[in-house]
Protein backbone atom coordinates (compact mmCIF):
# COMPACT_ATOMS: atom_id res chain seq x y z
CA MET A 1 -88.76 2.15 90.36
CA ASP A 2 -89.43 5.87 90.14
CA PHE A 3 -85.85 6.86 89.33
CA ASN A 4 -83.36 5.44 86.89
CA TYR A 5 -79.69 6.12 86.72
CA VAL A 6 -77.43 6.50 83.72
CA SER A 7 -73.68 6.90 83.95
CA PHE A 8 -70.56 7.30 81.86
CA PRO A 9 -68.04 5.87 84.33
CA GLY A 10 -65.03 6.50 82.11
CA LEU A 11 -65.93 10.21 82.04
CA GLY A 12 -67.01 10.44 85.67
CA LEU A 13 -70.60 11.42 84.76
CA ASP A 14 -73.63 10.12 86.66
CA PHE A 15 -77.30 11.02 86.15
CA GLU A 16 -80.36 10.15 88.19
CA LEU A 17 -83.64 10.65 86.41
CA ARG A 18 -87.06 9.20 85.80
CA ARG A 19 -88.94 8.59 82.58
CA TYR A 20 -91.63 11.20 83.21
CA ALA A 21 -91.11 14.89 83.90
CA PHE A 22 -94.40 15.68 85.67
CA VAL A 23 -98.01 14.58 86.05
CA ILE A 24 -101.10 16.41 84.76
CA PHE A 25 -104.53 15.15 85.86
CA GLY A 26 -103.00 11.82 86.73
CA ILE A 27 -101.28 11.49 83.35
CA GLU A 28 -97.50 11.13 83.34
CA ILE A 29 -95.81 13.38 80.79
CA TYR A 30 -92.70 11.56 79.64
CA TRP A 31 -89.35 13.17 79.00
CA TYR A 32 -89.16 11.32 75.70
CA GLY A 33 -92.13 13.21 74.27
CA ILE A 34 -91.01 16.52 75.77
CA ILE A 35 -87.53 16.25 74.28
CA ILE A 36 -88.83 15.38 70.82
CA THR A 37 -91.38 18.22 70.98
CA VAL A 38 -88.77 20.77 72.08
CA GLY A 39 -86.41 19.67 69.31
CA PHE A 40 -88.96 20.08 66.57
CA LEU A 41 -90.35 23.34 67.98
CA ALA A 42 -86.82 24.74 67.85
CA ALA A 43 -86.51 23.49 64.27
CA ILE A 44 -89.80 25.17 63.32
CA ALA A 45 -88.68 28.44 64.91
CA MET A 46 -85.42 28.39 62.91
CA ALA A 47 -87.31 27.62 59.71
CA MET A 48 -89.71 30.52 60.22
CA ARG A 49 -86.83 32.92 60.80
CA SER A 50 -85.10 32.08 57.52
CA CYS A 51 -88.02 31.17 55.23
CA ARG A 52 -88.29 34.58 53.52
CA LYS A 53 -84.77 34.24 52.17
CA TYR A 54 -86.06 31.29 50.14
CA ASP A 55 -89.28 32.87 48.85
CA LEU A 56 -91.40 31.16 51.49
CA THR A 57 -93.67 32.58 54.18
CA SER A 58 -94.44 31.62 57.75
CA ASP A 59 -97.82 30.37 56.48
CA HIS A 60 -96.00 27.86 54.28
CA ILE A 61 -94.04 26.61 57.29
CA LEU A 62 -97.13 26.26 59.47
CA ASP A 63 -99.01 24.46 56.69
CA ILE A 64 -96.11 22.05 56.25
CA VAL A 65 -96.07 21.36 59.99
CA LEU A 66 -99.83 20.77 60.04
CA TYR A 67 -99.50 18.33 57.16
CA GLY A 68 -96.21 16.74 58.13
CA ALA A 69 -96.38 16.28 61.92
CA PRO A 70 -99.47 14.02 62.09
CA ALA A 71 -98.26 12.03 59.08
CA ALA A 72 -94.83 11.60 60.69
CA ILE A 73 -96.31 10.25 63.93
CA ILE A 74 -98.71 7.89 62.15
CA PHE A 75 -96.08 6.50 59.79
CA ALA A 76 -93.51 6.21 62.57
CA ARG A 77 -95.97 4.01 64.45
CA ILE A 78 -96.98 1.99 61.38
CA TYR A 79 -93.33 1.34 60.54
CA TYR A 80 -92.64 0.11 64.06
CA VAL A 81 -95.75 -2.08 64.21
CA ILE A 82 -95.04 -3.71 60.84
CA PHE A 83 -91.55 -4.77 61.83
CA SER A 84 -92.49 -5.67 65.42
CA TRP A 85 -95.66 -7.52 64.56
CA ASP A 86 -95.11 -10.26 67.13
CA GLN A 87 -95.75 -7.70 69.87
CA PHE A 88 -99.17 -6.77 68.48
CA ARG A 89 -100.63 -9.77 66.68
CA TYR A 90 -102.53 -11.01 69.76
CA ASP A 91 -103.47 -7.58 71.14
CA LEU A 92 -104.33 -5.15 68.35
CA VAL A 93 -105.39 -2.48 70.82
CA LYS A 94 -101.73 -2.05 71.71
CA ILE A 95 -101.19 -0.57 68.24
CA ILE A 96 -102.74 2.74 69.31
CA LYS A 97 -101.00 2.81 72.69
CA ILE A 98 -98.17 5.06 71.57
CA ARG A 99 -97.45 6.05 75.18
CA ASP A 100 -96.04 2.58 75.72
CA GLY A 101 -93.32 3.36 73.18
CA GLY A 102 -92.67 2.27 69.65
CA LEU A 103 -91.94 5.01 67.09
CA ALA A 104 -89.42 4.59 64.29
CA ILE A 105 -87.60 7.61 62.86
CA TYR A 106 -87.47 6.23 59.33
CA GLY A 107 -91.23 5.81 59.33
CA GLY A 108 -91.61 9.39 60.52
CA VAL A 109 -89.33 10.71 57.77
CA ILE A 110 -91.25 8.77 55.11
CA GLY A 111 -94.58 10.08 56.41
CA ALA A 112 -93.37 13.68 56.62
CA LEU A 113 -91.94 13.69 53.09
CA LEU A 114 -95.08 12.10 51.66
CA ALA A 115 -97.30 14.68 53.38
CA VAL A 116 -95.15 17.57 52.16
CA TRP A 117 -95.23 16.17 48.62
CA LEU A 118 -99.04 16.08 48.72
CA TYR A 119 -99.07 19.63 50.09
CA THR A 120 -96.86 20.95 47.28
CA ARG A 121 -99.01 19.20 44.69
CA LYS A 122 -102.08 20.88 46.12
CA LYS A 123 -100.46 24.32 46.26
CA LYS A 124 -98.66 23.86 42.92
CA ILE A 125 -95.24 24.73 44.31
CA SER A 126 -91.90 22.95 43.93
CA PHE A 127 -91.52 19.95 46.24
CA LEU A 128 -87.75 19.91 45.79
CA HIS A 129 -87.50 23.60 46.71
CA ILE A 130 -89.52 23.03 49.89
CA ALA A 131 -87.59 19.85 50.72
CA ASP A 132 -84.22 21.54 50.24
CA PHE A 133 -85.28 24.28 52.60
CA GLY A 134 -86.88 22.11 55.28
CA ILE A 135 -84.82 18.92 55.42
CA PRO A 136 -81.97 20.41 57.51
CA TYR A 137 -84.48 21.38 60.21
CA LEU A 138 -86.00 17.91 60.16
CA LEU A 139 -82.54 16.51 60.79
CA PHE A 140 -82.01 18.95 63.67
CA GLY A 141 -85.22 17.67 65.25
CA GLN A 142 -83.99 14.10 64.82
CA GLY A 143 -80.70 14.92 66.51
CA VAL A 144 -82.35 16.52 69.52
CA GLY A 145 -85.03 13.84 69.72
CA ARG A 146 -82.39 11.12 70.10
CA TRP A 147 -81.83 12.32 73.66
CA GLY A 148 -85.21 10.84 74.51
CA ASN A 149 -83.49 7.48 74.02
CA PHE A 150 -80.96 8.53 76.64
CA VAL A 151 -83.70 8.99 79.24
CA ASN A 152 -85.37 5.70 78.30
CA GLN A 153 -82.05 3.81 78.16
CA GLU A 154 -82.72 2.52 74.66
CA ALA A 155 -81.11 2.61 71.22
CA PHE A 156 -77.76 1.68 72.74
CA GLY A 157 -74.99 -0.36 71.17
CA THR A 158 -72.91 -3.42 71.89
CA VAL A 159 -70.64 -4.02 74.87
CA THR A 160 -67.44 -1.99 75.02
CA LYS A 161 -64.69 -0.81 77.37
CA LEU A 162 -64.19 2.56 75.66
CA PRO A 163 -63.80 5.59 77.94
CA TRP A 164 -67.19 6.97 76.87
CA ARG A 165 -69.01 3.67 77.52
CA MET A 166 -72.49 3.98 78.99
CA ASN A 167 -74.11 2.15 81.91
CA GLY A 168 -77.54 2.25 83.52
CA ASN A 169 -79.89 0.12 85.58
CA GLU A 170 -81.68 -1.14 82.45
CA ILE A 171 -78.53 -1.24 80.33
CA ASN A 172 -76.72 -3.36 82.89
CA LYS A 173 -79.30 -6.12 82.45
CA TYR A 174 -78.19 -6.41 78.83
CA ILE A 175 -74.50 -6.31 79.81
CA VAL A 176 -74.99 -9.17 82.28
CA SER A 177 -76.84 -11.16 79.60
CA GLN A 178 -73.67 -10.93 77.50
CA GLY A 179 -71.69 -12.62 80.27
CA VAL A 180 -69.54 -9.65 81.26
CA ASP A 181 -69.22 -7.47 84.35
CA PRO A 182 -71.03 -4.07 84.25
CA ALA A 183 -68.37 -2.72 86.59
CA VAL A 184 -65.83 -3.14 83.80
CA TYR A 185 -67.90 -2.98 80.65
CA GLY A 186 -70.52 -0.63 79.32
CA VAL A 187 -72.24 -0.19 75.96
CA HIS A 188 -71.76 2.10 72.98
CA PRO A 189 -74.00 5.18 73.42
CA ALA A 190 -75.39 4.72 69.92
CA PHE A 191 -78.05 7.38 70.52
CA LEU A 192 -75.24 9.89 71.17
CA TYR A 193 -73.36 8.90 68.02
CA GLU A 194 -76.45 9.49 65.92
CA SER A 195 -77.33 12.73 67.68
CA LEU A 196 -73.86 14.18 67.08
CA TRP A 197 -73.88 12.97 63.46
CA ASP A 198 -77.31 14.51 62.86
CA ILE A 199 -76.25 17.90 64.22
CA ALA A 200 -73.03 17.85 62.18
CA VAL A 201 -74.91 17.02 58.96
CA PHE A 202 -77.54 19.65 59.84
CA LEU A 203 -74.83 22.34 59.98
CA PHE A 204 -73.29 21.13 56.72
CA LEU A 205 -76.65 21.14 54.92
CA LEU A 206 -77.31 24.70 56.07
CA TYR A 207 -73.93 25.67 54.62
CA TYR A 208 -74.49 23.79 51.36
CA ARG A 209 -78.05 25.04 50.90
CA LYS A 210 -76.72 28.48 49.95
CA ARG A 211 -74.37 26.98 47.38
CA LYS A 212 -76.44 24.27 45.73
CA LYS A 213 -76.41 24.05 41.94
CA VAL A 214 -79.72 22.30 41.36
CA GLU A 215 -83.04 21.99 43.23
CA GLY A 216 -83.12 18.77 45.22
CA GLU A 217 -79.43 18.57 46.04
CA VAL A 218 -79.88 19.26 49.76
CA LEU A 219 -82.52 16.53 50.02
CA PHE A 220 -80.31 14.06 48.16
CA LEU A 221 -77.34 14.91 50.37
CA TYR A 222 -79.56 14.19 53.37
CA PHE A 223 -80.26 10.75 51.90
CA ILE A 224 -76.54 10.14 51.37
CA LEU A 225 -75.11 11.52 54.61
CA TYR A 226 -77.82 10.51 57.05
CA GLY A 227 -78.12 7.12 55.38
CA ALA A 228 -74.37 6.50 55.58
CA GLY A 229 -74.15 7.50 59.24
CA ARG A 230 -77.22 5.53 60.19
CA ALA A 231 -75.94 2.45 58.35
CA LEU A 232 -72.71 2.49 60.36
CA ILE A 233 -74.53 3.02 63.66
CA GLU A 234 -77.00 0.22 62.89
CA THR A 235 -74.12 -2.27 62.83
CA ILE A 236 -73.65 -1.80 66.61
CA ARG A 237 -77.30 -1.29 67.65
CA THR A 238 -78.75 -4.04 69.84
CA ASP A 239 -82.44 -3.25 69.37
CA SER A 240 -82.72 -2.91 65.60
CA LEU A 241 -85.96 -3.93 63.91
CA LYS A 242 -85.57 -7.03 61.74
CA LEU A 243 -87.09 -7.62 58.33
CA VAL A 244 -88.56 -11.09 58.89
CA ASN A 245 -87.59 -12.40 62.31
CA GLU A 246 -84.85 -11.95 64.88
CA SER A 247 -82.38 -13.72 62.59
CA GLY A 248 -83.33 -11.60 59.58
CA PRO A 249 -81.52 -8.55 58.21
CA ARG A 250 -81.82 -5.19 59.96
CA VAL A 251 -84.54 -3.12 58.32
CA SER A 252 -82.97 0.26 59.05
CA LEU A 253 -79.60 -0.92 57.76
CA LEU A 254 -81.12 -2.03 54.46
CA LEU A 255 -83.11 1.18 54.15
CA SER A 256 -80.01 3.25 54.92
CA VAL A 257 -78.05 1.56 52.15
CA LEU A 258 -80.93 2.11 49.72
CA LEU A 259 -81.08 5.77 50.74
CA VAL A 260 -77.38 6.24 50.04
CA ILE A 261 -77.68 4.59 46.61
CA ALA A 262 -80.81 6.58 45.71
CA GLY A 263 -79.26 9.82 46.94
CA LEU A 264 -76.08 9.32 44.92
CA PHE A 265 -78.01 8.42 41.77
CA LEU A 266 -80.39 11.39 42.04
CA PHE A 267 -77.61 13.84 42.90
CA ILE A 268 -75.51 12.80 39.89
CA TYR A 269 -78.54 12.57 37.59
CA ARG A 270 -79.69 16.10 38.43
CA ARG A 271 -76.18 17.45 37.87
CA ILE A 272 -75.94 15.75 34.46
CA LYS A 273 -79.35 17.09 33.44
CA LYS A 274 -78.28 20.59 34.47
CA LYS A 275 -75.09 20.33 32.42
CA GLN A 276 -77.03 19.12 29.38
CA ALA A 277 -79.49 21.99 29.75
CA GLU A 278 -76.62 24.48 29.95
CA GLU A 279 -75.01 23.02 26.81
CA GLU A 280 -78.30 23.17 24.92
CA ALA A 281 -78.81 26.74 26.04
CA ALA A 282 -75.29 27.61 24.87
CA VAL A 283 -76.06 26.15 21.43
CA VAL A 284 -79.27 28.17 21.20
CA ILE A 285 -77.46 31.32 22.28
CA GLY A 286 -74.69 30.62 19.77
CA GLN A 287 -77.23 30.14 17.00
CA SER A 288 -78.92 33.37 17.99
CA LYS A 289 -75.62 35.25 17.89
CA TYR A 290 -74.79 33.73 14.49
CA GLY A 291 -78.22 34.66 13.19
CA ALA A 292 -77.87 38.21 14.44
CA LEU A 293 -74.42 38.51 12.83
CA LEU A 294 -75.72 37.14 9.54
CA MET A 295 -78.61 39.60 9.60
CA LYS A 296 -76.21 42.47 10.24
CA ILE A 297 -74.03 41.43 7.29
CA ARG A 298 -77.06 41.27 5.00
CA GLU A 299 -78.20 44.70 6.12
CA GLU A 300 -74.75 46.14 5.41
CA GLU A 301 -74.72 44.52 1.95
CA ALA A 302 -78.15 45.97 1.24
CA LEU A 303 -76.97 49.44 2.25
CA GLU A 304 -73.88 49.12 0.02
CA SER A 305 -76.03 48.04 -2.94
CA ALA A 306 -78.37 50.96 -2.41
CA GLY A 307 -75.39 53.35 -2.28
CA GLU A 308 -73.95 52.02 -5.55
CA ALA A 309 -77.33 52.32 -7.27
CA GLY A 310 -77.63 55.92 -6.11
CA GLY A 311 -74.16 56.75 -7.44
CA GLU A 312 -74.95 55.36 -10.91
CA ALA A 313 -78.20 57.32 -11.07
CA ALA A 314 -76.37 60.55 -10.18
CA GLY A 315 -73.83 60.00 -13.02
CA ASP A 316 -76.53 59.42 -15.73
CA ASN A 317 -76.96 62.99 -17.12
CA SER A 318 -78.30 61.97 -20.57
CA GLY A 319 -81.57 60.82 -19.16
CA ASP A 320 -81.36 57.61 -21.25
CA GLY A 321 -80.47 55.53 -18.28
CA THR A 322 -77.19 54.43 -19.89
CA GLY A 323 -75.02 56.44 -17.59
CA ARG A 324 -73.12 57.94 -20.52
CA GLU A 325 -72.43 61.67 -20.57
CA ALA A 326 -74.03 63.86 -23.28
CA ALA A 327 -71.87 64.24 -26.42
CA TYR A 328 -71.88 68.00 -26.16
CA SER A 329 -71.96 68.55 -22.53
CA SER A 330 -70.08 71.83 -23.07
CA ASP A 331 -72.95 73.36 -25.14
CA PHE A 332 -75.65 75.39 -23.52
CA ASP A 333 -78.81 77.12 -24.59
CA THR A 334 -78.35 80.87 -24.91
CA GLY A 335 -82.01 81.45 -24.46
CA ASN A 336 -82.68 82.77 -28.02
CA GLY A 337 -82.69 79.39 -29.74
CA THR A 338 -78.99 79.33 -30.52
CA VAL A 339 -76.48 77.06 -28.96
CA GLY A 340 -73.61 78.77 -27.26
CA THR A 341 -70.38 77.47 -25.95
CA ALA A 342 -69.85 76.96 -22.29
CA PRO A 343 -67.04 79.00 -20.88
CA GLY A 344 -63.74 77.15 -20.98
CA ALA A 345 -64.92 74.76 -23.71
CA ASP A 346 -62.42 73.72 -26.51
CA THR A 347 -63.86 75.67 -29.53
CA SER A 348 -61.30 74.31 -32.05
CA GLU A 349 -62.61 70.77 -31.61
CA MET A 350 -66.14 72.01 -32.06
CA ILE A 351 -65.22 73.85 -35.31
CA GLU A 352 -63.54 70.73 -36.71
CA GLU A 353 -66.59 68.64 -35.89
CA ASN A 354 -68.87 71.19 -37.60
CA GLU A 355 -66.68 71.26 -40.72
CA ALA A 356 -66.70 67.49 -40.86
CA GLY A 357 -70.42 67.56 -40.66
CA THR A 358 -70.57 70.11 -43.52
CA GLU A 359 -68.39 67.92 -45.77
CA THR A 360 -70.65 65.02 -45.09
CA ASP A 361 -73.70 67.05 -46.02
CA LYS A 362 -72.11 67.88 -49.31
């Protein structure tokens, strides 16, 4: 069938479309790939517009894309193959046939983050700074890319009668398999839930990025918020990858829970470390201020001591260093070898002293 149809009967919306957009040299170019490409090109454009505000250049962004994009595609495929091994074990060539479908977002995120980490190690720049800047745009690309699932009629949820239920020619096969009437029932548009959640978290992360306290907080919030939303959505998905077999736990659900736990731990840990660093810095600053004050007091004491010593030296007129005044400070040399009396001196006391000295000589 060339055309598929998708409808939201409760909303009165009907779409007729086909999986590929056009053909080039006999090769069908699928809407799925186009939508994902457009989403991430838009994310790259936004990143390049705002990078200078975060001490990054357009060269940094292009390098990150060149490192991250191939790694994201490869890891997205590896992730899918590992947890869908029964599809490939007897035909290994199918592993490289990406056009047949089979990419997992979590694998892509892991690959992209690993590639960016290697890039920052090589360039000797902060991984957390780069991650905080770029992770909102990655999430924007994820949100737009989810609409590829809409075209392919995949990543939908369980049966429901909600007004926004979704139907389609492929979806209805699943609805019938559940023993209900597609004319009455549809499925949860899980792809739409995740797309809307991704865009909402993208906007919040852009807002928070300007107000973060510590490097890494935006990345850790991505772990927490995306993980929490994805965990809830996984509970209604009908095509989730399983850990061991079809009866095993959902891989993406487990990974989402681990992401939330890791994000919370790292967010709190970084905040505690920052607080400890601030307290240590305050102690150092306090010690420095105390030391400066103590030095100032010592300098003032030294100046006071020097002033007192100068005053004592000025009062020592006898030259004997005792500080006592000369016994006859009122006498002065007349210049002819005789001792005169300074003006205003008490001459009666001087006469008495001379007479006493004469009696003694006798």
